[in-house]
Amino acid sequence: MKTTIEIQDALLERSKRLARQEGTTLGAVIEEGLQLALRARAQQKRRMPFALKPFAGDGLNPEFEYASWELIRDEICRDRG
């Protein structure tokens, strides 16, 4: 299908240069770029954002509310050797 689009001059020149270097057409370069862009966007949509699912409770125990991660980690691992 033929269509008319506006492309930045510098991008058009780079695309033409690439097509010449690779022995292909400008249309093929543009088509490949669009396919890559659409594929990347589809993959982004498939990724589920990380969501915290807190359990019922009031958060950290008071003795750990302002504790460093090292102290909390040491307590978690205390009886594990």
PDB file of N, CA and C in Angstrom:
ATOM      1  N   MET A   1       0.852  -1.168   0.000  1.00  0.00           N
ATOM      2  CA  MET A   1       0.000   0.000   0.000  1.00  0.00           C
ATOM      3  C   MET A   1       0.897   1.229   0.000  1.00  0.00           C
ATOM      4  N   LYS A   2       0.519   2.205  -0.744  1.00  0.00           N
ATOM      5  CA  LYS A   2       1.277   3.448  -0.774  1.00  0.00           C
ATOM      6  C   LYS A   2       0.613   4.444   0.153  1.00  0.00           C
ATOM      7  N   THR A   3       1.462   5.232   0.817  1.00  0.00           N
ATOM      8  CA  THR A   3       0.949   6.281   1.698  1.00  0.00           C
ATOM      9  C   THR A   3       1.981   7.390   1.751  1.00  0.00           C
ATOM     10  N   THR A   4       1.582   8.518   2.282  1.00  0.00           N
ATOM     11  CA  THR A   4       2.482   9.647   2.430  1.00  0.00           C
ATOM     12  C   THR A   4       2.636   9.931   3.917  1.00  0.00           C
ATOM     13  N   ILE A   5       3.890  10.047   4.361  1.00  0.00           N
ATOM     14  CA  ILE A   5       4.156  10.366   5.759  1.00  0.00           C
ATOM     15  C   ILE A   5       5.230  11.438   5.824  1.00  0.00           C
ATOM     16  N   GLU A   6       5.282  12.124   6.941  1.00  0.00           N
ATOM     17  CA  GLU A   6       6.332  13.110   7.164  1.00  0.00           C
ATOM     18  C   GLU A   6       7.374  12.505   8.089  1.00  0.00           C
ATOM     19  N   ILE A   7       8.636  12.605   7.685  1.00  0.00           N
ATOM     20  CA  ILE A   7       9.758  12.080   8.454  1.00  0.00           C
ATOM     21  C   ILE A   7      10.789  13.186   8.572  1.00  0.00           C
ATOM     22  N   GLN A   8      11.427  13.269   9.721  1.00  0.00           N
ATOM     23  CA  GLN A   8      12.491  14.261   9.898  1.00  0.00           C
ATOM     24  C   GLN A   8      13.551  14.056   8.822  1.00  0.00           C
ATOM     25  N   ASP A   9      14.077  15.158   8.307  1.00  0.00           N
ATOM     26  CA  ASP A   9      15.066  15.082   7.232  1.00  0.00           C
ATOM     27  C   ASP A   9      16.261  14.201   7.603  1.00  0.00           C
ATOM     28  N   ALA A  10      16.797  14.389   8.807  1.00  0.00           N
ATOM     29  CA  ALA A  10      17.977  13.635   9.220  1.00  0.00           C
ATOM     30  C   ALA A  10      17.672  12.137   9.300  1.00  0.00           C
ATOM     31  N   LEU A  11      16.492  11.783   9.797  1.00  0.00           N
ATOM     32  CA  LEU A  11      16.107  10.381   9.896  1.00  0.00           C
ATOM     33  C   LEU A  11      15.924   9.776   8.506  1.00  0.00           C
ATOM     34  N   LEU A  12      15.349  10.529   7.611  1.00  0.00           N
ATOM     35  CA  LEU A  12      15.165  10.058   6.243  1.00  0.00           C
ATOM     36  C   LEU A  12      16.512   9.812   5.572  1.00  0.00           C
ATOM     37  N   GLU A  13      17.443  10.742   5.728  1.00  0.00           N
ATOM     38  CA  GLU A  13      18.768  10.586   5.122  1.00  0.00           C
ATOM     39  C   GLU A  13      19.501   9.370   5.688  1.00  0.00           C
ATOM     40  N   ARG A  14      19.421   9.179   7.007  1.00  0.00           N
ATOM     41  CA  ARG A  14      20.066   8.008   7.618  1.00  0.00           C
ATOM     42  C   ARG A  14      19.443   6.727   7.094  1.00  0.00           C
ATOM     43  N   SER A  15      18.122   6.734   6.945  1.00  0.00           N
ATOM     44  CA  SER A  15      17.422   5.548   6.460  1.00  0.00           C
ATOM     45  C   SER A  15      17.793   5.237   5.015  1.00  0.00           C
ATOM     46  N   LYS A  16      17.899   6.259   4.180  1.00  0.00           N
ATOM     47  CA  LYS A  16      18.307   6.070   2.787  1.00  0.00           C
ATOM     48  C   LYS A  16      19.734   5.534   2.713  1.00  0.00           C
ATOM     49  N   ARG A  17      20.611   6.086   3.533  1.00  0.00           N
ATOM     50  CA  ARG A  17      22.005   5.643   3.565  1.00  0.00           C
ATOM     51  C   ARG A  17      22.088   4.171   3.970  1.00  0.00           C
ATOM     52  N   LEU A  18      21.322   3.793   4.989  1.00  0.00           N
ATOM     53  CA  LEU A  18      21.305   2.407   5.444  1.00  0.00           C
ATOM     54  C   LEU A  18      20.793   1.489   4.338  1.00  0.00           C
ATOM     55  N   ALA A  19      19.745   1.908   3.656  1.00  0.00           N
ATOM     56  CA  ALA A  19      19.192   1.092   2.569  1.00  0.00           C
ATOM     57  C   ALA A  19      20.232   0.882   1.466  1.00  0.00           C
ATOM     58  N   ARG A  20      20.961   1.952   1.120  1.00  0.00           N
ATOM     59  CA  ARG A  20      22.008   1.818   0.099  1.00  0.00           C
ATOM     60  C   ARG A  20      23.106   0.869   0.559  1.00  0.00           C
ATOM     61  N   GLN A  21      23.539   1.026   1.815  1.00  0.00           N
ATOM     62  CA  GLN A  21      24.614   0.181   2.347  1.00  0.00           C
ATOM     63  C   GLN A  21      24.212  -1.289   2.365  1.00  0.00           C
ATOM     64  N   GLU A  22      22.960  -1.565   2.662  1.00  0.00           N
ATOM     65  CA  GLU A  22      22.499  -2.944   2.776  1.00  0.00           C
ATOM     66  C   GLU A  22      21.915  -3.485   1.472  1.00  0.00           C
ATOM     67  N   GLY A  23      21.892  -2.645   0.449  1.00  0.00           N
ATOM     68  CA  GLY A  23      21.378  -3.089  -0.838  1.00  0.00           C
ATOM     69  C   GLY A  23      19.897  -3.412  -0.813  1.00  0.00           C
ATOM     70  N   THR A  24      19.150  -2.615  -0.071  1.00  0.00           N
ATOM     71  CA  THR A  24      17.709  -2.838   0.033  1.00  0.00           C
ATOM     72  C   THR A  24      16.994  -1.528  -0.283  1.00  0.00           C
ATOM     73  N   THR A  25      15.709  -1.509  -0.089  1.00  0.00           N
ATOM     74  CA  THR A  25      14.942  -0.301  -0.397  1.00  0.00           C
ATOM     75  C   THR A  25      14.647   0.497   0.871  1.00  0.00           C
ATOM     76  N   LEU A  26      14.354   1.762   0.667  1.00  0.00           N
ATOM     77  CA  LEU A  26      13.949   2.608   1.781  1.00  0.00           C
ATOM     78  C   LEU A  26      12.669   2.056   2.413  1.00  0.00           C
ATOM     79  N   GLY A  27      11.751   1.600   1.587  1.00  0.00           N
ATOM     80  CA  GLY A  27      10.501   1.026   2.095  1.00  0.00           C
ATOM     81  C   GLY A  27      10.750  -0.170   3.005  1.00  0.00           C
ATOM     82  N   ALA A  28      11.714  -1.016   2.639  1.00  0.00           N
ATOM     83  CA  ALA A  28      12.026  -2.187   3.460  1.00  0.00           C
ATOM     84  C   ALA A  28      12.603  -1.773   4.805  1.00  0.00           C
ATOM     85  N   VAL A  29      13.453  -0.748   4.797  1.00  0.00           N
ATOM     86  CA  VAL A  29      14.037  -0.261   6.052  1.00  0.00           C
ATOM     87  C   VAL A  29      12.944   0.303   6.955  1.00  0.00           C
ATOM     88  N   ILE A  30      12.062   1.102   6.379  1.00  0.00           N
ATOM     89  CA  ILE A  30      10.972   1.701   7.159  1.00  0.00           C
ATOM     90  C   ILE A  30      10.035   0.617   7.678  1.00  0.00           C
ATOM     91  N   GLU A  31       9.710  -0.349   6.847  1.00  0.00           N
ATOM     92  CA  GLU A  31       8.816  -1.435   7.263  1.00  0.00           C
ATOM     93  C   GLU A  31       9.433  -2.233   8.419  1.00  0.00           C
ATOM     94  N   GLU A  32      10.724  -2.534   8.316  1.00  0.00           N
ATOM     95  CA  GLU A  32      11.399  -3.261   9.395  1.00  0.00           C
ATOM     96  C   GLU A  32      11.378  -2.457  10.697  1.00  0.00           C
ATOM     97  N   GLY A  33      11.623  -1.159  10.587  1.00  0.00           N
ATOM     98  CA  GLY A  33      11.598  -0.305  11.776  1.00  0.00           C
ATOM     99  C   GLY A  33      10.227  -0.268  12.430  1.00  0.00           C
ATOM    100  N   LEU A  34       9.184  -0.178  11.633  1.00  0.00           N
ATOM    101  CA  LEU A  34       7.830  -0.178  12.175  1.00  0.00           C
ATOM    102  C   LEU A  34       7.504  -1.510  12.849  1.00  0.00           C
ATOM    103  N   GLN A  35       7.927  -2.612  12.223  1.00  0.00           N
ATOM    104  CA  GLN A  35       7.681  -3.926  12.824  1.00  0.00           C
ATOM    105  C   GLN A  35       8.380  -4.041  14.181  1.00  0.00           C
ATOM    106  N   LEU A  36       9.630  -3.580  14.247  1.00  0.00           N
ATOM    107  CA  LEU A  36      10.365  -3.621  15.515  1.00  0.00           C
ATOM    108  C   LEU A  36       9.695  -2.759  16.578  1.00  0.00           C
ATOM    109  N   ALA A  37       9.252  -1.572  16.190  1.00  0.00           N
ATOM    110  CA  ALA A  37       8.607  -0.668  17.147  1.00  0.00           C
ATOM    111  C   ALA A  37       7.295  -1.255  17.655  1.00  0.00           C
ATOM    112  N   LEU A  38       6.502  -1.820  16.763  1.00  0.00           N
ATOM    113  CA  LEU A  38       5.223  -2.415  17.172  1.00  0.00           C
ATOM    114  C   LEU A  38       5.438  -3.629  18.068  1.00  0.00           C
ATOM    115  N   ARG A  39       6.439  -4.449  17.746  1.00  0.00           N
ATOM    116  CA  ARG A  39       6.737  -5.624  18.564  1.00  0.00           C
ATOM    117  C   ARG A  39       7.185  -5.202  19.969  1.00  0.00           C
ATOM    118  N   ALA A  40       8.031  -4.188  20.049  1.00  0.00           N
ATOM    119  CA  ALA A  40       8.510  -3.714  21.346  1.00  0.00           C
ATOM    120  C   ALA A  40       7.363  -3.172  22.194  1.00  0.00           C
ATOM    121  N   ARG A  41       6.467  -2.453  21.578  1.00  0.00           N
ATOM    122  CA  ARG A  41       5.324  -1.916  22.332  1.00  0.00           C
ATOM    123  C   ARG A  41       4.374  -3.020  22.782  1.00  0.00           C
ATOM    124  N   ALA A  42       4.194  -4.031  21.960  1.00  0.00           N
ATOM    125  CA  ALA A  42       3.332  -5.148  22.346  1.00  0.00           C
ATOM    126  C   ALA A  42       3.942  -5.889  23.536  1.00  0.00           C
ATOM    127  N   GLN A  43       5.252  -6.050  23.542  1.00  0.00           N
ATOM    128  CA  GLN A  43       5.917  -6.727  24.654  1.00  0.00           C
ATOM    129  C   GLN A  43       5.790  -5.906  25.940  1.00  0.00           C
ATOM    130  N   GLN A  44       5.883  -4.593  25.835  1.00  0.00           N
ATOM    131  CA  GLN A  44       5.736  -3.737  27.009  1.00  0.00           C
ATOM    132  C   GLN A  44       4.346  -3.892  27.610  1.00  0.00           C
ATOM    133  N   LYS A  45       3.337  -3.992  26.766  1.00  0.00           N
ATOM    134  CA  LYS A  45       1.961  -4.127  27.259  1.00  0.00           C
ATOM    135  C   LYS A  45       1.743  -5.467  27.934  1.00  0.00           C
ATOM    136  N   ARG A  46       2.463  -6.512  27.466  1.00  0.00           N
ATOM    137  CA  ARG A  46       2.307  -7.838  28.050  1.00  0.00           C
ATOM    138  C   ARG A  46       2.924  -7.945  29.429  1.00  0.00           C
ATOM    139  N   ARG A  47       3.922  -7.126  29.695  1.00  0.00           N
ATOM    140  CA  ARG A  47       4.568  -7.181  31.005  1.00  0.00           C
ATOM    141  C   ARG A  47       3.606  -6.663  32.064  1.00  0.00           C
ATOM    142  N   MET A  48       3.445  -7.436  33.078  1.00  0.00           N
ATOM    143  CA  MET A  48       2.582  -7.020  34.174  1.00  0.00           C
ATOM    144  C   MET A  48       3.394  -6.160  35.133  1.00  0.00           C
ATOM    145  N   PRO A  49       2.887  -5.030  35.507  1.00  0.00           N
ATOM    146  CA  PRO A  49       3.619  -4.221  36.471  1.00  0.00           C
ATOM    147  C   PRO A  49       3.704  -4.941  37.815  1.00  0.00           C
ATOM    148  N   PHE A  50       4.794  -4.742  38.476  1.00  0.00           N
ATOM    149  CA  PHE A  50       4.994  -5.359  39.780  1.00  0.00           C
ATOM    150  C   PHE A  50       4.011  -4.732  40.760  1.00  0.00           C
ATOM    151  N   ALA A  51       3.275  -5.565  41.445  1.00  0.00           N
ATOM    152  CA  ALA A  51       2.311  -5.057  42.412  1.00  0.00           C
ATOM    153  C   ALA A  51       2.564  -5.699  43.765  1.00  0.00           C
ATOM    154  N   LEU A  52       2.649  -4.884  44.767  1.00  0.00           N
ATOM    155  CA  LEU A  52       2.771  -5.410  46.120  1.00  0.00           C
ATOM    156  C   LEU A  52       1.411  -5.893  46.581  1.00  0.00           C
ATOM    157  N   LYS A  53       1.400  -7.045  47.191  1.00  0.00           N
ATOM    158  CA  LYS A  53       0.156  -7.575  47.726  1.00  0.00           C
ATOM    159  C   LYS A  53       0.364  -7.774  49.220  1.00  0.00           C
ATOM    160  N   PRO A  54       0.159  -6.727  49.984  1.00  0.00           N
ATOM    161  CA  PRO A  54       0.412  -6.820  51.421  1.00  0.00           C
ATOM    162  C   PRO A  54      -0.559  -7.783  52.092  1.00  0.00           C
ATOM    163  N   PHE A  55      -0.076  -8.392  53.131  1.00  0.00           N
ATOM    164  CA  PHE A  55      -0.929  -9.292  53.900  1.00  0.00           C
ATOM    165  C   PHE A  55      -1.622  -8.474  54.985  1.00  0.00           C
ATOM    166  N   ALA A  56      -2.630  -9.041  55.574  1.00  0.00           N
ATOM    167  CA  ALA A  56      -3.360  -8.345  56.627  1.00  0.00           C
ATOM    168  C   ALA A  56      -2.445  -8.127  57.822  1.00  0.00           C
ATOM    169  N   GLY A  57      -2.499  -6.987  58.405  1.00  0.00           N
ATOM    170  CA  GLY A  57      -1.669  -6.693  59.562  1.00  0.00           C
ATOM    171  C   GLY A  57      -1.363  -5.209  59.649  1.00  0.00           C
ATOM    172  N   ASP A  58      -0.536  -4.874  60.603  1.00  0.00           N
ATOM    173  CA  ASP A  58      -0.227  -3.466  60.838  1.00  0.00           C
ATOM    174  C   ASP A  58       1.184  -3.090  60.411  1.00  0.00           C
ATOM    175  N   GLY A  59       1.782  -3.875  59.534  1.00  0.00           N
ATOM    176  CA  GLY A  59       3.123  -3.559  59.069  1.00  0.00           C
ATOM    177  C   GLY A  59       4.182  -4.187  59.959  1.00  0.00           C
ATOM    178  N   LEU A  60       5.329  -3.536  60.030  1.00  0.00           N
ATOM    179  CA  LEU A  60       6.435  -4.067  60.816  1.00  0.00           C
ATOM    180  C   LEU A  60       6.137  -4.044  62.305  1.00  0.00           C
ATOM    181  N   ASN A  61       6.743  -4.983  62.994  1.00  0.00           N
ATOM    182  CA  ASN A  61       6.674  -4.944  64.460  1.00  0.00           C
ATOM    183  C   ASN A  61       7.357  -3.662  64.929  1.00  0.00           C
ATOM    184  N   PRO A  62       6.902  -3.086  66.028  1.00  0.00           N
ATOM    185  CA  PRO A  62       7.457  -1.815  66.484  1.00  0.00           C
ATOM    186  C   PRO A  62       8.979  -1.811  66.624  1.00  0.00           C
ATOM    187  N   GLU A  63       9.579  -2.929  67.058  1.00  0.00           N
ATOM    188  CA  GLU A  63      11.036  -2.939  67.240  1.00  0.00           C
ATOM    189  C   GLU A  63      11.800  -2.872  65.915  1.00  0.00           C
ATOM    190  N   PHE A  64      11.112  -3.105  64.796  1.00  0.00           N
ATOM    191  CA  PHE A  64      11.767  -3.048  63.483  1.00  0.00           C
ATOM    192  C   PHE A  64      11.324  -1.850  62.644  1.00  0.00           C
ATOM    193  N   GLU A  65      10.448  -1.040  63.172  1.00  0.00           N
ATOM    194  CA  GLU A  65       9.888   0.061  62.385  1.00  0.00           C
ATOM    195  C   GLU A  65      10.958   0.987  61.815  1.00  0.00           C
ATOM    196  N   TYR A  66      11.994   1.292  62.574  1.00  0.00           N
ATOM    197  CA  TYR A  66      13.053   2.186  62.099  1.00  0.00           C
ATOM    198  C   TYR A  66      14.396   1.462  61.998  1.00  0.00           C
ATOM    199  N   ALA A  67      14.352   0.142  61.956  1.00  0.00           N
ATOM    200  CA  ALA A  67      15.585  -0.645  61.910  1.00  0.00           C
ATOM    201  C   ALA A  67      16.162  -0.655  60.503  1.00  0.00           C
ATOM    202  N   SER A  68      17.454  -0.895  60.418  1.00  0.00           N
ATOM    203  CA  SER A  68      18.122  -1.011  59.118  1.00  0.00           C
ATOM    204  C   SER A  68      17.770  -2.352  58.487  1.00  0.00           C
ATOM    205  N   TRP A  69      17.969  -2.431  57.191  1.00  0.00           N
ATOM    206  CA  TRP A  69      17.725  -3.680  56.490  1.00  0.00           C
ATOM    207  C   TRP A  69      18.621  -4.789  57.048  1.00  0.00           C
ATOM    208  N   GLU A  70      19.859  -4.454  57.379  1.00  0.00           N
ATOM    209  CA  GLU A  70      20.781  -5.454  57.905  1.00  0.00           C
ATOM    210  C   GLU A  70      20.231  -6.085  59.190  1.00  0.00           C
ATOM    211  N   LEU A  71      19.686  -5.276  60.087  1.00  0.00           N
ATOM    212  CA  LEU A  71      19.126  -5.797  61.339  1.00  0.00           C
ATOM    213  C   LEU A  71      17.917  -6.688  61.065  1.00  0.00           C
ATOM    214  N   ILE A  72      17.059  -6.252  60.162  1.00  0.00           N
ATOM    215  CA  ILE A  72      15.876  -7.042  59.815  1.00  0.00           C
ATOM    216  C   ILE A  72      16.306  -8.357  59.170  1.00  0.00           C
ATOM    217  N   ARG A  73      17.246  -8.290  58.220  1.00  0.00           N
ATOM    218  CA  ARG A  73      17.733  -9.500  57.560  1.00  0.00           C
ATOM    219  C   ARG A  73      18.357 -10.474  58.551  1.00  0.00           C
ATOM    220  N   ASP A  74      19.179  -9.946  59.468  1.00  0.00           N
ATOM    221  CA  ASP A  74      19.811 -10.802  60.469  1.00  0.00           C
ATOM    222  C   ASP A  74      18.775 -11.506  61.342  1.00  0.00           C
ATOM    223  N   GLU A  75      17.705 -10.786  61.667  1.00  0.00           N
ATOM    224  CA  GLU A  75      16.640 -11.387  62.486  1.00  0.00           C
ATOM    225  C   GLU A  75      15.903 -12.472  61.722  1.00  0.00           C
ATOM    226  N   ILE A  76      15.636 -12.227  60.454  1.00  0.00           N
ATOM    227  CA  ILE A  76      14.945 -13.208  59.624  1.00  0.00           C
ATOM    228  C   ILE A  76      15.780 -14.479  59.523  1.00  0.00           C
ATOM    229  N   CYS A  77      17.093 -14.332  59.389  1.00  0.00           N
ATOM    230  CA  CYS A  77      17.987 -15.463  59.149  1.00  0.00           C
ATOM    231  C   CYS A  77      18.612 -16.029  60.417  1.00  0.00           C
ATOM    232  N   ARG A  78      18.246 -15.530  61.570  1.00  0.00           N
ATOM    233  CA  ARG A  78      18.910 -15.875  62.826  1.00  0.00           C
ATOM    234  C   ARG A  78      19.028 -17.370  63.055  1.00  0.00           C
ATOM    235  N   ASP A  79      17.986 -18.126  62.894  1.00  0.00           N
ATOM    236  CA  ASP A  79      18.016 -19.564  63.205  1.00  0.00           C
ATOM    237  C   ASP A  79      18.313 -20.443  61.987  1.00  0.00           C
ATOM    238  N   ARG A  80      18.794 -19.862  60.940  1.00  0.00           N
ATOM    239  CA  ARG A  80      19.038 -20.636  59.714  1.00  0.00           C
ATOM    240  C   ARG A  80      20.503 -20.994  59.518  1.00  0.00           C
ATOM    241  N   GLY A  81      21.337 -20.614  60.450  1.00  0.00           N
ATOM    242  CA  GLY A  81      22.739 -21.014  60.387  1.00  0.00           C
ATOM    243  C   GLY A  81      23.511 -20.096  59.598  1.00  0.00           C
TER     244      GLY A  81
END
